[in-house]
C-alpha atoms as a PDB file:
ATOM      1  CA  MET A   1      11.170 -12.505  10.046  1.00  0.00           C
ATOM      2  CA  ARG A   2      11.727 -15.928   8.629  1.00  0.00           C
ATOM      3  CA  ASP A   3      14.707 -16.890   6.479  1.00  0.00           C
ATOM      4  CA  SER A   4      12.258 -17.457   3.613  1.00  0.00           C
ATOM      5  CA  LEU A   5      11.808 -13.683   3.200  1.00  0.00           C
ATOM      6  CA  ARG A   6      14.328 -13.149   0.410  1.00  0.00           C
ATOM      7  CA  PRO A   7      14.823 -11.061  -2.708  1.00  0.00           C
ATOM      8  CA  GLY A   8      13.147 -12.569  -5.730  1.00  0.00           C
ATOM      9  CA  LEU A   9       9.825 -13.268  -3.979  1.00  0.00           C
ATOM     10  CA  ALA A  10       7.296 -12.685  -6.786  1.00  0.00           C
ATOM     11  CA  PHE A  11       3.572 -12.171  -6.382  1.00  0.00           C
ATOM     12  CA  GLN A  12       0.325 -11.071  -8.013  1.00  0.00           C
ATOM     13  CA  PHE A  13      -2.746  -9.604  -6.391  1.00  0.00           C
ATOM     14  CA  SER A  14      -6.028  -8.696  -8.056  1.00  0.00           C
ATOM     15  CA  PHE A  15      -8.832  -6.387  -7.010  1.00  0.00           C
ATOM     16  CA  ALA A  16     -12.109  -5.509  -8.727  1.00  0.00           C
ATOM     17  CA  VAL A  17     -12.479  -1.727  -8.605  1.00  0.00           C
ATOM     18  CA  THR A  18     -15.765  -0.670  -7.042  1.00  0.00           C
ATOM     19  CA  GLU A  19     -17.458   2.724  -7.107  1.00  0.00           C
ATOM     20  CA  ASP A  20     -16.371   3.426  -3.515  1.00  0.00           C
ATOM     21  CA  LYS A  21     -12.708   3.343  -4.612  1.00  0.00           C
ATOM     22  CA  THR A  22     -13.122   6.206  -7.091  1.00  0.00           C
ATOM     23  CA  VAL A  23     -11.852   9.766  -6.641  1.00  0.00           C
ATOM     24  CA  PRO A  24     -15.032  11.289  -5.103  1.00  0.00           C
ATOM     25  CA  HIS A  25     -14.835   8.726  -2.278  1.00  0.00           C
ATOM     26  CA  LEU A  26     -11.218   9.454  -1.334  1.00  0.00           C
ATOM     27  CA  PHE A  27     -12.127  12.525   0.736  1.00  0.00           C
ATOM     28  CA  PRO A  28     -15.911  12.910   0.577  1.00  0.00           C
ATOM     29  CA  GLU A  29     -15.642  16.262   2.394  1.00  0.00           C
ATOM     30  CA  SER A  30     -13.599  17.703  -0.489  1.00  0.00           C
ATOM     31  CA  PRO A  31     -15.770  19.623  -2.966  1.00  0.00           C
ATOM     32  CA  GLU A  32     -12.889  19.461  -5.478  1.00  0.00           C
ATOM     33  CA  PHE A  33     -12.837  15.648  -5.393  1.00  0.00           C
ATOM     34  CA  GLN A  34     -16.633  15.499  -5.707  1.00  0.00           C
ATOM     35  CA  VAL A  35     -16.570  16.922  -9.236  1.00  0.00           C
ATOM     36  CA  MET A  36     -13.695  14.741 -10.482  1.00  0.00           C
ATOM     37  CA  PRO A  37     -14.156  11.679 -12.713  1.00  0.00           C
ATOM     38  CA  ARG A  38     -15.301   8.449 -11.106  1.00  0.00           C
ATOM     39  CA  VAL A  39     -12.076   6.509 -11.698  1.00  0.00           C
ATOM     40  CA  LEU A  40      -9.729   4.675  -9.338  1.00  0.00           C
ATOM     41  CA  ALA A  41      -8.216   7.280  -7.020  1.00  0.00           C
ATOM     42  CA  THR A  42      -4.430   7.406  -6.851  1.00  0.00           C
ATOM     43  CA  GLY A  43      -4.647   7.141  -3.051  1.00  0.00           C
ATOM     44  CA  PHE A  44      -6.651   3.913  -3.298  1.00  0.00           C
ATOM     45  CA  MET A  45      -4.289   2.589  -5.993  1.00  0.00           C
ATOM     46  CA  VAL A  46      -1.310   3.157  -3.678  1.00  0.00           C
ATOM     47  CA  GLY A  47      -3.185   1.387  -0.881  1.00  0.00           C
ATOM     48  CA  LEU A  48      -3.892  -1.532  -3.206  1.00  0.00           C
ATOM     49  CA  MET A  49      -0.192  -1.812  -4.053  1.00  0.00           C
ATOM     50  CA  GLU A  50       0.685  -1.734  -0.346  1.00  0.00           C
ATOM     51  CA  TRP A  51      -1.921  -4.432   0.317  1.00  0.00           C
ATOM     52  CA  ALA A  52      -0.342  -6.636  -2.362  1.00  0.00           C
ATOM     53  CA  CYS A  53       3.055  -6.329  -0.654  1.00  0.00           C
ATOM     54  CA  ILE A  54       1.574  -7.035   2.786  1.00  0.00           C
ATOM     55  CA  ARG A  55      -0.144 -10.173   1.514  1.00  0.00           C
ATOM     56  CA  ALA A  56       3.072 -11.338  -0.152  1.00  0.00           C
ATOM     57  CA  VAL A  57       5.283 -11.025   2.936  1.00  0.00           C
ATOM     58  CA  ASN A  58       2.906 -12.031   5.751  1.00  0.00           C
ATOM     59  CA  PRO A  59       3.582 -15.780   5.286  1.00  0.00           C
ATOM     60  CA  HIS A  60       7.281 -15.004   5.872  1.00  0.00           C
ATOM     61  CA  LEU A  61       6.685 -13.113   9.136  1.00  0.00           C
ATOM     62  CA  ASP A  62       5.547 -14.082  12.609  1.00  0.00           C
ATOM     63  CA  TRP A  63       2.253 -12.418  11.707  1.00  0.00           C
ATOM     64  CA  PRO A  64       0.395 -10.718  13.368  1.00  0.00           C
ATOM     65  CA  ARG A  65       3.112 -10.055  15.989  1.00  0.00           C
ATOM     66  CA  GLU A  66       5.357  -8.894  13.152  1.00  0.00           C
ATOM     67  CA  GLN A  67       3.832  -6.636  10.529  1.00  0.00           C
ATOM     68  CA  THR A  68       5.086  -4.201   7.911  1.00  0.00           C
ATOM     69  CA  VAL A  69       4.532  -0.480   7.508  1.00  0.00           C
ATOM     70  CA  GLY A  70       5.033   1.552   4.357  1.00  0.00           C
ATOM     71  CA  THR A  71       7.740   4.193   4.422  1.00  0.00           C
ATOM     72  CA  SER A  72       8.245   5.170   0.786  1.00  0.00           C
ATOM     73  CA  VAL A  73       6.130   5.065  -2.356  1.00  0.00           C
ATOM     74  CA  ASN A  74       7.440   6.042  -5.785  1.00  0.00           C
ATOM     75  CA  VAL A  75       4.913   4.970  -8.396  1.00  0.00           C
ATOM     76  CA  THR A  76       3.325   6.446 -11.479  1.00  0.00           C
ATOM     77  CA  HIS A  77      -0.407   6.612 -12.133  1.00  0.00           C
ATOM     78  CA  CYS A  78      -0.465   6.711 -15.909  1.00  0.00           C
ATOM     79  CA  ALA A  79      -3.963   5.535 -16.920  1.00  0.00           C
ATOM     80  CA  ALA A  80      -7.494   5.917 -15.562  1.00  0.00           C
ATOM     81  CA  THR A  81      -9.417   2.860 -14.366  1.00  0.00           C
ATOM     82  CA  PRO A  82     -13.205   3.062 -14.095  1.00  0.00           C
ATOM     83  CA  ALA A  83     -15.177   0.993 -11.594  1.00  0.00           C
ATOM     84  CA  GLY A  84     -15.888  -2.499 -12.854  1.00  0.00           C
ATOM     85  CA  LEU A  85     -12.395  -3.270 -14.126  1.00  0.00           C
ATOM     86  CA  THR A  86     -10.023  -5.550 -12.232  1.00  0.00           C
ATOM     87  CA  VAL A  87      -6.556  -4.291 -11.366  1.00  0.00           C
ATOM     88  CA  ILE A  88      -3.767  -6.862 -11.195  1.00  0.00           C
ATOM     89  CA  VAL A  89      -0.728  -5.826  -9.181  1.00  0.00           C
ATOM     90  CA  THR A  90       2.455  -7.718 -10.029  1.00  0.00           C
ATOM     91  CA  GLY A  91       5.372  -7.379  -7.658  1.00  0.00           C
ATOM     92  CA  ARG A  92       8.786  -8.609  -6.710  1.00  0.00           C
ATOM     93  CA  LEU A  93      10.759  -8.184  -3.510  1.00  0.00           C
ATOM     94  CA  GLU A  94      14.000  -6.641  -4.759  1.00  0.00           C
ATOM     95  CA  HIS A  95      16.020  -6.064  -1.580  1.00  0.00           C
ATOM     96  CA  VAL A  96      15.994  -7.128   2.052  1.00  0.00           C
ATOM     97  CA  GLU A  97      18.271  -4.935   4.175  1.00  0.00           C
ATOM     98  CA  GLY A  98      17.690  -5.849   7.797  1.00  0.00           C
ATOM     99  CA  ARG A  99      14.056  -4.903   8.438  1.00  0.00           C
ATOM    100  CA  LYS A 100      13.817  -2.755   5.262  1.00  0.00           C
ATOM    101  CA  LEU A 101      12.043  -4.353   2.285  1.00  0.00           C
ATOM    102  CA  THR A 102      12.138  -2.817  -1.206  1.00  0.00           C
ATOM    103  CA  PHE A 103       9.614  -3.862  -3.845  1.00  0.00           C
ATOM    104  CA  TRP A 104       9.234  -3.304  -7.581  1.00  0.00           C
ATOM    105  CA  LEU A 105       5.559  -3.080  -8.571  1.00  0.00           C
ATOM    106  CA  SER A 106       3.440  -2.811 -11.689  1.00  0.00           C
ATOM    107  CA  ALA A 107      -0.340  -2.638 -12.074  1.00  0.00           C
ATOM    108  CA  HIS A 108      -2.583  -3.304 -15.085  1.00  0.00           C
ATOM    109  CA  ASP A 109      -6.371  -2.946 -15.401  1.00  0.00           C
ATOM    110  CA  GLY A 110      -6.881  -5.381 -18.276  1.00  0.00           C
ATOM    111  CA  VAL A 111      -6.731  -2.558 -20.810  1.00  0.00           C
ATOM    112  CA  ASP A 112      -3.728  -0.435 -19.814  1.00  0.00           C
ATOM    113  CA  LYS A 113      -0.723  -0.483 -17.537  1.00  0.00           C
ATOM    114  CA  ILE A 114      -1.839   1.951 -14.857  1.00  0.00           C
ATOM    115  CA  SER A 115       1.185   2.072 -12.581  1.00  0.00           C
ATOM    116  CA  GLU A 116       4.802   1.118 -12.094  1.00  0.00           C
ATOM    117  CA  GLY A 117       7.412   1.928  -9.485  1.00  0.00           C
ATOM    118  CA  THR A 118       8.932   1.053  -6.137  1.00  0.00           C
ATOM    119  CA  HIS A 119       7.730   0.766  -2.577  1.00  0.00           C
ATOM    120  CA  GLU A 120       9.575   0.339   0.728  1.00  0.00           C
ATOM    121  CA  ARG A 121       8.224  -1.269   3.874  1.00  0.00           C
ATOM    122  CA  TYR A 122       9.760  -1.992   7.269  1.00  0.00           C
ATOM    123  CA  VAL A 123       9.123  -5.037   9.410  1.00  0.00           C
ATOM    124  CA  ILE A 124       7.898  -3.933  12.831  1.00  0.00           C
ATOM    125  CA  ASP A 125       6.978  -5.459  16.161  1.00  0.00           C
ATOM    126  CA  ALA A 126       3.297  -4.499  16.168  1.00  0.00           C
ATOM    127  CA  ALA A 127       2.945  -4.128  19.939  1.00  0.00           C
ATOM    128  CA  LYS A 128       6.007  -1.884  20.247  1.00  0.00           C
ATOM    129  CA  PHE A 129       4.872   0.188  17.271  1.00  0.00           C
ATOM    130  CA  ARG A 130       1.379   0.682  18.717  1.00  0.00           C
ATOM    131  CA  ALA A 131       2.792   1.628  22.122  1.00  0.00           C
ATOM    132  CA  LYS A 132       5.091   4.221  20.576  1.00  0.00           C
ATOM    133  CA  ALA A 133       2.287   5.680  18.442  1.00  0.00           C
ATOM    134  CA  SER A 134      -0.011   5.784  21.470  1.00  0.00           C
ATOM    135  CA  GLU A 135       2.625   7.615  23.516  1.00  0.00           C
ATOM    136  CA  LYS A 136       3.051  10.115  20.710  1.00  0.00           C
ATOM    137  CA  GLY A 137      -0.669  10.856  20.890  1.00  0.00           C
ATOM    138  CA  LEU A 138      -0.472  11.308  24.652  1.00  0.00           C
ATOM    139  CA  VAL A 139       2.499  13.657  24.327  1.00  0.00           C
ATOM    140  CA  GLN A 140       0.645  15.785  21.781  1.00  0.00           C
ATOM    141  CA  SER A 141      -2.441  15.997  23.985  1.00  0.00           C
ATOM    142  CA  ARG A 142      -0.267  17.479  26.768  1.00  0.00           C
ATOM    143  CA  GLN A 143       1.143  20.249  24.559  1.00  0.00           C
ATOM    144  CA  PRO A 144      -0.022  23.787  25.418  1.00  0.00           C
ATOM    145  CA  ARG A 145      -2.280  25.326  22.815  1.00  0.00           C
END
């Protein structure tokens, strides 16, 4: 992490919502999702907010050796966004506590505010993280069934 990664870092990120980011595409194998309205899925909205944070902090990391992973999401989803609208995520890095980063986020689709809340990410060493996750998979594959 560079010294430039400090509270107060403000950012905006925009994304044009496409059909493949609507609810039926979140889990195509789910018959329940298939009959839901074709609006931005909450899962994709959360991913978009994470992406905005990643883009904001990467210039302040030794990227790609250092990366961030999400550990907490506490956001609303208070308005529907159909495909074709552009969502603008506005964010601010509120706290830096060691490797823990806390963000305040808001999202608007040009008509309504669609989300607001907080998100936490941790700075990781990507190689160490991958090795640990890989080992976890190996351990699970050795478990008796």
